[in-house]
Amino acid sequence: MGIKGFQGTSLLDFPGRIASLVFFGGCNLRCPYCHNPALVLEPESYPDLPLDEVLAELADRRGFIDGVVVTGGEPTLAADLLPLLQGIRDLGLQIKLDTNGLAPKVLEILLQRQLLDSIACDLKTNPARYGELQWPGGQGVGIQEGLALLLAAPVPVEFRTTCVPGLVESDDIQAMGAAIAGAKEWVLQQFVPSHAMEPSCQALTPHSSETLQAFAELAREHVAAVRLRGL
C-alpha cells in the first residue's frame, strides 16, 4: 500500500519541534482497539498520494518543520517507504518511524542506511499472545526478533503499550517487561474505547488510573523510564 495521508504539522513526537505526519495504509495485524480502522481494513478506499508530490510539499515546508513522523497502518509493509525516507533525509529533515516491529529485516535496512532518527514501537501485549491479533486465517506472528533489533538500535526507541483490559493485565506487563528488559523508555497509554475498531472493544471500561499506576510500578522492574500517557 502507498502513502494514504499527509497531515499538516504537529508538536507531537519530536519534543519542542514541529513535524509533518505521513500515513501509510495496510497492516499485518488486526488489533481490535485500533484507532485507524479505515487504514487497516479498507486502505484501498484512500487514493495513493504520489511520492514526488509528498516530497515536494515537504520541501516547501522546510522553513517551518524540523522533521517528519511516518506512521500508519504499518509503514514497513510499503514499497514506497525506503524512497520516501531517503527523500526526506535528502531534504535535511529528521525522521521518526512508528512501527509494530514485525518487519525486522526492513528496520535493519533503514537503520543501516541511517534513515531514522528515532523509532516508536507499539508493543501490543505479551509476546506469546500476538497470535490473537493476527488477521483471520493468517500466519502466526512473532515479535521477538523485532524487539531484539530495536533494543540494540543506535537511535532512541520508545516502546509504548495501549493498556486494553483483557489484552494488557499484570501478567502481560511482566511478560512484556521481560521481553524489553533494559530498554530506556516504555510508555503505558490509557485505552480510549470510543475510538476502537471493534464493537467489543468499544464496550470495555478502561483500566482505572490506580491500575495503570500499578502497571507502571511493575514495568519499572524491567525498564529505566516508564511514563503514563492519557490519564
C-alpha atoms as a PDB file:
ATOM      1  CA  MET A   1       0.000   0.000   0.000  1.00  0.00           C
ATOM      2  CA  GLY A   2       1.158   3.519  -0.741  1.00  0.00           C
ATOM      3  CA  ILE A   3       1.039   6.853   1.051  1.00  0.00           C
ATOM      4  CA  LYS A   4      -2.561   7.491   2.085  1.00  0.00           C
ATOM      5  CA  GLY A   5      -2.461  10.649   4.117  1.00  0.00           C
ATOM      6  CA  PHE A   6      -0.435  13.763   4.696  1.00  0.00           C
ATOM      7  CA  GLN A   7      -1.187  15.885   7.736  1.00  0.00           C
ATOM      8  CA  GLY A   8      -0.064  19.478   8.191  1.00  0.00           C
ATOM      9  CA  THR A   9       2.059  19.895  11.293  1.00  0.00           C
ATOM     10  CA  SER A  10       2.135  18.619  14.838  1.00  0.00           C
ATOM     11  CA  LEU A  11       4.032  19.374  18.012  1.00  0.00           C
ATOM     12  CA  LEU A  12       3.881  15.702  18.951  1.00  0.00           C
ATOM     13  CA  ASP A  13       6.622  13.092  18.683  1.00  0.00           C
ATOM     14  CA  PHE A  14       9.553  15.491  18.292  1.00  0.00           C
ATOM     15  CA  PRO A  15       9.522  17.285  21.665  1.00  0.00           C
ATOM     16  CA  GLY A  16       9.771  21.024  21.209  1.00  0.00           C
ATOM     17  CA  ARG A  17       9.859  20.652  17.440  1.00  0.00           C
ATOM     18  CA  ILE A  18       7.325  20.733  14.641  1.00  0.00           C
ATOM     19  CA  ALA A  19       6.805  17.685  12.440  1.00  0.00           C
ATOM     20  CA  SER A  20       4.646  16.752   9.474  1.00  0.00           C
ATOM     21  CA  LEU A  21       2.901  13.374   9.558  1.00  0.00           C
ATOM     22  CA  VAL A  22       2.771  10.924   6.658  1.00  0.00           C
ATOM     23  CA  PHE A  23       0.365   7.954   6.829  1.00  0.00           C
ATOM     24  CA  PHE A  24       0.638   4.601   5.042  1.00  0.00           C
ATOM     25  CA  GLY A  25      -2.273   2.198   4.626  1.00  0.00           C
ATOM     26  CA  GLY A  26      -2.333  -1.519   5.349  1.00  0.00           C
ATOM     27  CA  CYS A  27      -1.249  -3.516   8.392  1.00  0.00           C
ATOM     28  CA  ASN A  28      -0.131  -7.043   9.257  1.00  0.00           C
ATOM     29  CA  LEU A  29      -2.128  -7.036  12.493  1.00  0.00           C
ATOM     30  CA  ARG A  30      -5.799  -6.553  13.252  1.00  0.00           C
ATOM     31  CA  CYS A  31      -5.850  -5.094  16.743  1.00  0.00           C
ATOM     32  CA  PRO A  32      -9.467  -4.765  17.902  1.00  0.00           C
ATOM     33  CA  TYR A  33      -8.728  -1.451  19.607  1.00  0.00           C
ATOM     34  CA  CYS A  34      -7.057   0.157  16.552  1.00  0.00           C
ATOM     35  CA  HIS A  35      -7.729   3.899  16.206  1.00  0.00           C
ATOM     36  CA  ASN A  36      -7.113   3.986  12.434  1.00  0.00           C
ATOM     37  CA  PRO A  37      -9.509   1.243  11.275  1.00  0.00           C
ATOM     38  CA  ALA A  38     -10.038   2.549   7.737  1.00  0.00           C
ATOM     39  CA  LEU A  39      -6.287   2.475   7.055  1.00  0.00           C
ATOM     40  CA  VAL A  40      -6.208  -1.147   8.261  1.00  0.00           C
ATOM     41  CA  LEU A  41      -9.459  -2.584   6.906  1.00  0.00           C
ATOM     42  CA  GLU A  42     -10.045  -0.523   3.758  1.00  0.00           C
ATOM     43  CA  PRO A  43      -6.770   1.124   2.686  1.00  0.00           C
ATOM     44  CA  GLU A  44      -7.855   0.903  -0.943  1.00  0.00           C
ATOM     45  CA  SER A  45     -10.643   3.382  -0.157  1.00  0.00           C
ATOM     46  CA  TYR A  46      -7.977   6.095   0.025  1.00  0.00           C
ATOM     47  CA  PRO A  47      -6.129   7.099  -3.139  1.00  0.00           C
ATOM     48  CA  ASP A  48      -2.356   6.729  -3.130  1.00  0.00           C
ATOM     49  CA  LEU A  49      -0.531  10.055  -2.924  1.00  0.00           C
ATOM     50  CA  PRO A  50       2.340  10.325  -5.429  1.00  0.00           C
ATOM     51  CA  LEU A  51       5.717  10.141  -3.735  1.00  0.00           C
ATOM     52  CA  ASP A  52       7.140  13.080  -5.667  1.00  0.00           C
ATOM     53  CA  GLU A  53       4.221  15.301  -4.628  1.00  0.00           C
ATOM     54  CA  VAL A  54       4.676  14.427  -0.960  1.00  0.00           C
ATOM     55  CA  LEU A  55       8.407  15.164  -1.124  1.00  0.00           C
ATOM     56  CA  ALA A  56       7.761  18.429  -2.966  1.00  0.00           C
ATOM     57  CA  GLU A  57       5.315  19.505  -0.241  1.00  0.00           C
ATOM     58  CA  LEU A  58       7.837  18.618   2.455  1.00  0.00           C
ATOM     59  CA  ALA A  59      10.485  20.605   0.617  1.00  0.00           C
ATOM     60  CA  ASP A  60       8.169  23.630   0.668  1.00  0.00           C
ATOM     61  CA  ARG A  61       7.733  23.229   4.432  1.00  0.00           C
ATOM     62  CA  ARG A  62      11.417  23.040   5.313  1.00  0.00           C
ATOM     63  CA  GLY A  63      11.349  26.564   6.648  1.00  0.00           C
ATOM     64  CA  PHE A  64       8.964  25.741   9.465  1.00  0.00           C
ATOM     65  CA  ILE A  65       9.149  21.979  10.129  1.00  0.00           C
ATOM     66  CA  ASP A  66      12.008  20.125  11.773  1.00  0.00           C
ATOM     67  CA  GLY A  67      11.059  16.590  10.863  1.00  0.00           C
ATOM     68  CA  VAL A  68       8.566  14.024   9.632  1.00  0.00           C
ATOM     69  CA  VAL A  69       6.728  11.296  11.532  1.00  0.00           C
ATOM     70  CA  VAL A  70       5.956   8.311   9.305  1.00  0.00           C
ATOM     71  CA  THR A  71       3.070   6.232  10.614  1.00  0.00           C
ATOM     72  CA  GLY A  72       0.150   4.072   9.506  1.00  0.00           C
ATOM     73  CA  GLY A  73      -1.234   1.453   9.303  1.00  0.00           C
ATOM     74  CA  GLU A  74       2.154  -0.227   9.279  1.00  0.00           C
ATOM     75  CA  PRO A  75       4.748   1.685   7.205  1.00  0.00           C
ATOM     76  CA  THR A  76       7.250  -1.169   6.956  1.00  0.00           C
ATOM     77  CA  LEU A  77       4.910  -3.019   4.566  1.00  0.00           C
ATOM     78  CA  ALA A  78       5.045  -0.247   1.952  1.00  0.00           C
ATOM     79  CA  ALA A  79       7.254  -0.340  -1.132  1.00  0.00           C
ATOM     80  CA  ASP A  80       7.457   3.464  -1.039  1.00  0.00           C
ATOM     81  CA  LEU A  81       8.875   3.604   2.480  1.00  0.00           C
ATOM     82  CA  LEU A  82      12.564   3.440   1.577  1.00  0.00           C
ATOM     83  CA  PRO A  83      12.433   6.063  -1.215  1.00  0.00           C
ATOM     84  CA  LEU A  84      10.272   8.296   0.977  1.00  0.00           C
ATOM     85  CA  LEU A  85      12.730   8.188   3.857  1.00  0.00           C
ATOM     86  CA  GLN A  86      15.686   8.731   1.553  1.00  0.00           C
ATOM     87  CA  GLY A  87      13.927  11.725   0.045  1.00  0.00           C
ATOM     88  CA  ILE A  88      13.182  13.149   3.489  1.00  0.00           C
ATOM     89  CA  ARG A  89      16.791  12.626   4.550  1.00  0.00           C
ATOM     90  CA  ASP A  90      17.993  14.405   1.396  1.00  0.00           C
ATOM     91  CA  LEU A  91      15.857  17.378   2.489  1.00  0.00           C
ATOM     92  CA  GLY A  92      17.790  17.526   5.764  1.00  0.00           C
ATOM     93  CA  LEU A  93      14.764  16.715   7.939  1.00  0.00           C
ATOM     94  CA  GLN A  94      14.623  14.432  10.958  1.00  0.00           C
ATOM     95  CA  ILE A  95      12.664  11.195  10.692  1.00  0.00           C
ATOM     96  CA  LYS A  96      10.642   9.283  13.258  1.00  0.00           C
ATOM     97  CA  LEU A  97       9.064   5.938  12.379  1.00  0.00           C
ATOM     98  CA  ASP A  98       6.015   4.428  14.081  1.00  0.00           C
ATOM     99  CA  THR A  99       6.020   0.640  13.734  1.00  0.00           C
ATOM    100  CA  ASN A 100       4.777  -2.574  15.306  1.00  0.00           C
ATOM    101  CA  GLY A 101       8.262  -4.114  14.945  1.00  0.00           C
ATOM    102  CA  LEU A 102       7.102  -7.119  12.926  1.00  0.00           C
ATOM    103  CA  ALA A 103       9.346  -6.433   9.915  1.00  0.00           C
ATOM    104  CA  PRO A 104      12.852  -6.591  11.442  1.00  0.00           C
ATOM    105  CA  LYS A 105      14.592  -7.026   8.091  1.00  0.00           C
ATOM    106  CA  VAL A 106      13.102  -3.748   6.861  1.00  0.00           C
ATOM    107  CA  LEU A 107      14.033  -1.994  10.088  1.00  0.00           C
ATOM    108  CA  GLU A 108      17.577  -3.328   9.839  1.00  0.00           C
ATOM    109  CA  ILE A 109      17.982  -1.851   6.349  1.00  0.00           C
ATOM    110  CA  LEU A 110      16.620   1.534   7.447  1.00  0.00           C
ATOM    111  CA  LEU A 111      18.990   1.642  10.416  1.00  0.00           C
ATOM    112  CA  GLN A 112      21.982   0.546   8.353  1.00  0.00           C
ATOM    113  CA  ARG A 113      21.291   3.357   5.888  1.00  0.00           C
ATOM    114  CA  GLN A 114      20.908   5.854   8.738  1.00  0.00           C
ATOM    115  CA  LEU A 115      17.434   6.850   7.612  1.00  0.00           C
ATOM    116  CA  LEU A 116      15.893   7.012  11.088  1.00  0.00           C
ATOM    117  CA  ASP A 117      16.460   9.432  13.960  1.00  0.00           C
ATOM    118  CA  SER A 118      14.013   7.798  16.352  1.00  0.00           C
ATOM    119  CA  ILE A 119      11.511   4.946  16.487  1.00  0.00           C
ATOM    120  CA  ALA A 120       8.279   4.348  18.363  1.00  0.00           C
ATOM    121  CA  CYS A 121       7.353   0.670  18.640  1.00  0.00           C
ATOM    122  CA  ASP A 122       3.849  -0.350  19.650  1.00  0.00           C
ATOM    123  CA  LEU A 123       4.229  -3.320  21.970  1.00  0.00           C
ATOM    124  CA  LYS A 124       0.726  -4.750  21.916  1.00  0.00           C
ATOM    125  CA  THR A 125       0.629  -7.423  24.607  1.00  0.00           C
ATOM    126  CA  ASN A 126       2.504 -10.426  25.963  1.00  0.00           C
ATOM    127  CA  PRO A 127       4.632 -11.673  23.015  1.00  0.00           C
ATOM    128  CA  ALA A 128       3.100 -15.137  23.460  1.00  0.00           C
ATOM    129  CA  ARG A 129      -0.358 -13.668  22.721  1.00  0.00           C
ATOM    130  CA  TYR A 130       0.421 -11.973  19.399  1.00  0.00           C
ATOM    131  CA  GLY A 131      -1.437 -14.690  17.520  1.00  0.00           C
ATOM    132  CA  GLU A 132      -4.646 -13.242  18.960  1.00  0.00           C
ATOM    133  CA  LEU A 133      -4.065 -10.078  16.936  1.00  0.00           C
ATOM    134  CA  GLN A 134      -3.394 -11.579  13.511  1.00  0.00           C
ATOM    135  CA  TRP A 135      -5.776 -11.441  10.564  1.00  0.00           C
ATOM    136  CA  PRO A 136      -8.259 -14.349  10.421  1.00  0.00           C
ATOM    137  CA  GLY A 137      -6.583 -17.250   8.655  1.00  0.00           C
ATOM    138  CA  GLY A 138      -3.218 -15.509   8.731  1.00  0.00           C
ATOM    139  CA  GLN A 139       0.144 -16.963   9.626  1.00  0.00           C
ATOM    140  CA  GLY A 140       1.291 -16.836  13.203  1.00  0.00           C
ATOM    141  CA  VAL A 141       3.229 -13.715  14.084  1.00  0.00           C
ATOM    142  CA  GLY A 142       6.241 -13.245  16.322  1.00  0.00           C
ATOM    143  CA  ILE A 143       7.699 -10.076  17.782  1.00  0.00           C
ATOM    144  CA  GLN A 144      10.879 -11.320  19.470  1.00  0.00           C
ATOM    145  CA  GLU A 145      13.245 -10.744  16.535  1.00  0.00           C
ATOM    146  CA  GLY A 146      12.000  -7.196  16.057  1.00  0.00           C
ATOM    147  CA  LEU A 147      12.328  -6.415  19.745  1.00  0.00           C
ATOM    148  CA  ALA A 148      15.905  -7.707  19.818  1.00  0.00           C
ATOM    149  CA  LEU A 149      16.784  -5.460  16.885  1.00  0.00           C
ATOM    150  CA  LEU A 150      15.143  -2.410  18.443  1.00  0.00           C
ATOM    151  CA  LEU A 151      16.793  -2.952  21.812  1.00  0.00           C
ATOM    152  CA  ALA A 152      20.161  -2.762  20.046  1.00  0.00           C
ATOM    153  CA  ALA A 153      19.230   0.128  17.737  1.00  0.00           C
ATOM    154  CA  PRO A 154      21.651   3.079  17.571  1.00  0.00           C
ATOM    155  CA  VAL A 155      18.777   5.606  17.746  1.00  0.00           C
ATOM    156  CA  PRO A 156      16.287   6.383  20.540  1.00  0.00           C
ATOM    157  CA  VAL A 157      13.432   3.855  20.722  1.00  0.00           C
ATOM    158  CA  GLU A 158      10.210   4.458  22.619  1.00  0.00           C
ATOM    159  CA  PHE A 159       8.207   1.345  23.387  1.00  0.00           C
ATOM    160  CA  ARG A 160       4.552   2.074  24.010  1.00  0.00           C
ATOM    161  CA  THR A 161       1.610  -0.055  25.060  1.00  0.00           C
ATOM    162  CA  THR A 162      -2.088   0.766  24.972  1.00  0.00           C
ATOM    163  CA  CYS A 163      -3.472  -0.813  28.131  1.00  0.00           C
ATOM    164  CA  VAL A 164      -6.588  -2.558  26.825  1.00  0.00           C
ATOM    165  CA  PRO A 165      -8.460  -4.537  29.502  1.00  0.00           C
ATOM    166  CA  GLY A 166      -8.188  -8.252  28.863  1.00  0.00           C
ATOM    167  CA  LEU A 167      -5.269  -7.765  26.482  1.00  0.00           C
ATOM    168  CA  VAL A 168      -2.974  -5.972  28.917  1.00  0.00           C
ATOM    169  CA  GLU A 169      -3.119  -7.166  32.512  1.00  0.00           C
ATOM    170  CA  SER A 170      -0.473  -7.533  35.225  1.00  0.00           C
ATOM    171  CA  ASP A 171       0.872 -10.830  33.871  1.00  0.00           C
ATOM    172  CA  ASP A 172       1.113  -9.323  30.385  1.00  0.00           C
ATOM    173  CA  ILE A 173       3.023  -6.313  31.715  1.00  0.00           C
ATOM    174  CA  GLN A 174       5.500  -8.667  33.355  1.00  0.00           C
ATOM    175  CA  ALA A 175       5.931 -10.661  30.136  1.00  0.00           C
ATOM    176  CA  MET A 176       6.365  -7.541  28.021  1.00  0.00           C
ATOM    177  CA  GLY A 177       8.783  -6.079  30.531  1.00  0.00           C
ATOM    178  CA  ALA A 178      10.902  -9.211  30.404  1.00  0.00           C
ATOM    179  CA  ALA A 179      10.883  -9.023  26.585  1.00  0.00           C
ATOM    180  CA  ILE A 180      12.226  -5.443  26.548  1.00  0.00           C
ATOM    181  CA  ALA A 181      14.345  -5.622  29.702  1.00  0.00           C
ATOM    182  CA  GLY A 182      16.942  -2.858  29.676  1.00  0.00           C
ATOM    183  CA  ALA A 183      15.011  -0.575  27.334  1.00  0.00           C
ATOM    184  CA  LYS A 184      15.357   3.139  28.030  1.00  0.00           C
ATOM    185  CA  GLU A 185      11.699   4.132  27.768  1.00  0.00           C
ATOM    186  CA  TRP A 186       8.288   2.479  27.940  1.00  0.00           C
ATOM    187  CA  VAL A 187       5.071   4.477  27.690  1.00  0.00           C
ATOM    188  CA  LEU A 188       1.840   2.973  29.029  1.00  0.00           C
ATOM    189  CA  GLN A 189      -1.138   4.598  27.320  1.00  0.00           C
ATOM    190  CA  GLN A 190      -4.720   4.779  28.526  1.00  0.00           C
ATOM    191  CA  PHE A 191      -7.207   2.935  26.327  1.00  0.00           C
ATOM    192  CA  VAL A 192      -9.969   5.072  24.758  1.00  0.00           C
ATOM    193  CA  PRO A 193     -12.900   2.754  23.908  1.00  0.00           C
ATOM    194  CA  SER A 194     -14.824   5.232  21.758  1.00  0.00           C
ATOM    195  CA  HIS A 195     -12.082   5.103  19.102  1.00  0.00           C
ATOM    196  CA  ALA A 196     -11.765   1.304  18.939  1.00  0.00           C
ATOM    197  CA  MET A 197     -12.216  -0.586  15.675  1.00  0.00           C
ATOM    198  CA  GLU A 198     -14.248  -3.486  17.101  1.00  0.00           C
ATOM    199  CA  PRO A 199     -17.604  -3.000  18.893  1.00  0.00           C
ATOM    200  CA  SER A 200     -16.495  -5.464  21.562  1.00  0.00           C
ATOM    201  CA  CYS A 201     -13.674  -3.081  22.497  1.00  0.00           C
ATOM    202  CA  GLN A 202     -15.937  -0.048  22.389  1.00  0.00           C
ATOM    203  CA  ALA A 203     -17.940  -1.626  25.218  1.00  0.00           C
ATOM    204  CA  LEU A 204     -14.923  -2.085  27.511  1.00  0.00           C
ATOM    205  CA  THR A 205     -14.352   0.000  30.615  1.00  0.00           C
ATOM    206  CA  PRO A 206     -10.766   1.318  30.660  1.00  0.00           C
ATOM    207  CA  HIS A 207      -8.414   0.383  33.455  1.00  0.00           C
ATOM    208  CA  SER A 208      -8.543   2.781  36.386  1.00  0.00           C
ATOM    209  CA  SER A 209      -5.733   5.253  36.930  1.00  0.00           C
ATOM    210  CA  GLU A 210      -4.776   3.243  40.032  1.00  0.00           C
ATOM    211  CA  THR A 211      -4.404   0.108  37.916  1.00  0.00           C
ATOM    212  CA  LEU A 212      -2.233   1.924  35.402  1.00  0.00           C
ATOM    213  CA  GLN A 213      -0.078   3.243  38.225  1.00  0.00           C
ATOM    214  CA  ALA A 214       0.328  -0.342  39.438  1.00  0.00           C
ATOM    215  CA  PHE A 215       1.243  -1.437  35.905  1.00  0.00           C
ATOM    216  CA  ALA A 216       3.878   1.306  35.825  1.00  0.00           C
ATOM    217  CA  GLU A 217       5.428   0.029  39.038  1.00  0.00           C
ATOM    218  CA  LEU A 218       5.663  -3.459  37.546  1.00  0.00           C
ATOM    219  CA  ALA A 219       7.148  -2.055  34.343  1.00  0.00           C
ATOM    220  CA  ARG A 220       9.840  -0.186  36.270  1.00  0.00           C
ATOM    221  CA  GLU A 221      11.244  -3.534  37.376  1.00  0.00           C
ATOM    222  CA  HIS A 222      12.396  -4.031  33.776  1.00  0.00           C
ATOM    223  CA  VAL A 223      12.800  -0.621  32.097  1.00  0.00           C
ATOM    224  CA  ALA A 224      14.733   2.501  33.059  1.00  0.00           C
ATOM    225  CA  ALA A 225      11.979   5.071  32.457  1.00  0.00           C
ATOM    226  CA  VAL A 226       8.238   4.415  32.449  1.00  0.00           C
ATOM    227  CA  ARG A 227       5.683   7.119  31.628  1.00  0.00           C
ATOM    228  CA  LEU A 228       1.898   7.131  31.727  1.00  0.00           C
ATOM    229  CA  ARG A 229       0.028   8.841  28.918  1.00  0.00           C
ATOM    230  CA  GLY A 230      -3.619   9.787  28.623  1.00  0.00           C
ATOM    231  CA  LEU A 231      -4.616   9.863  32.303  1.00  0.00           C
END
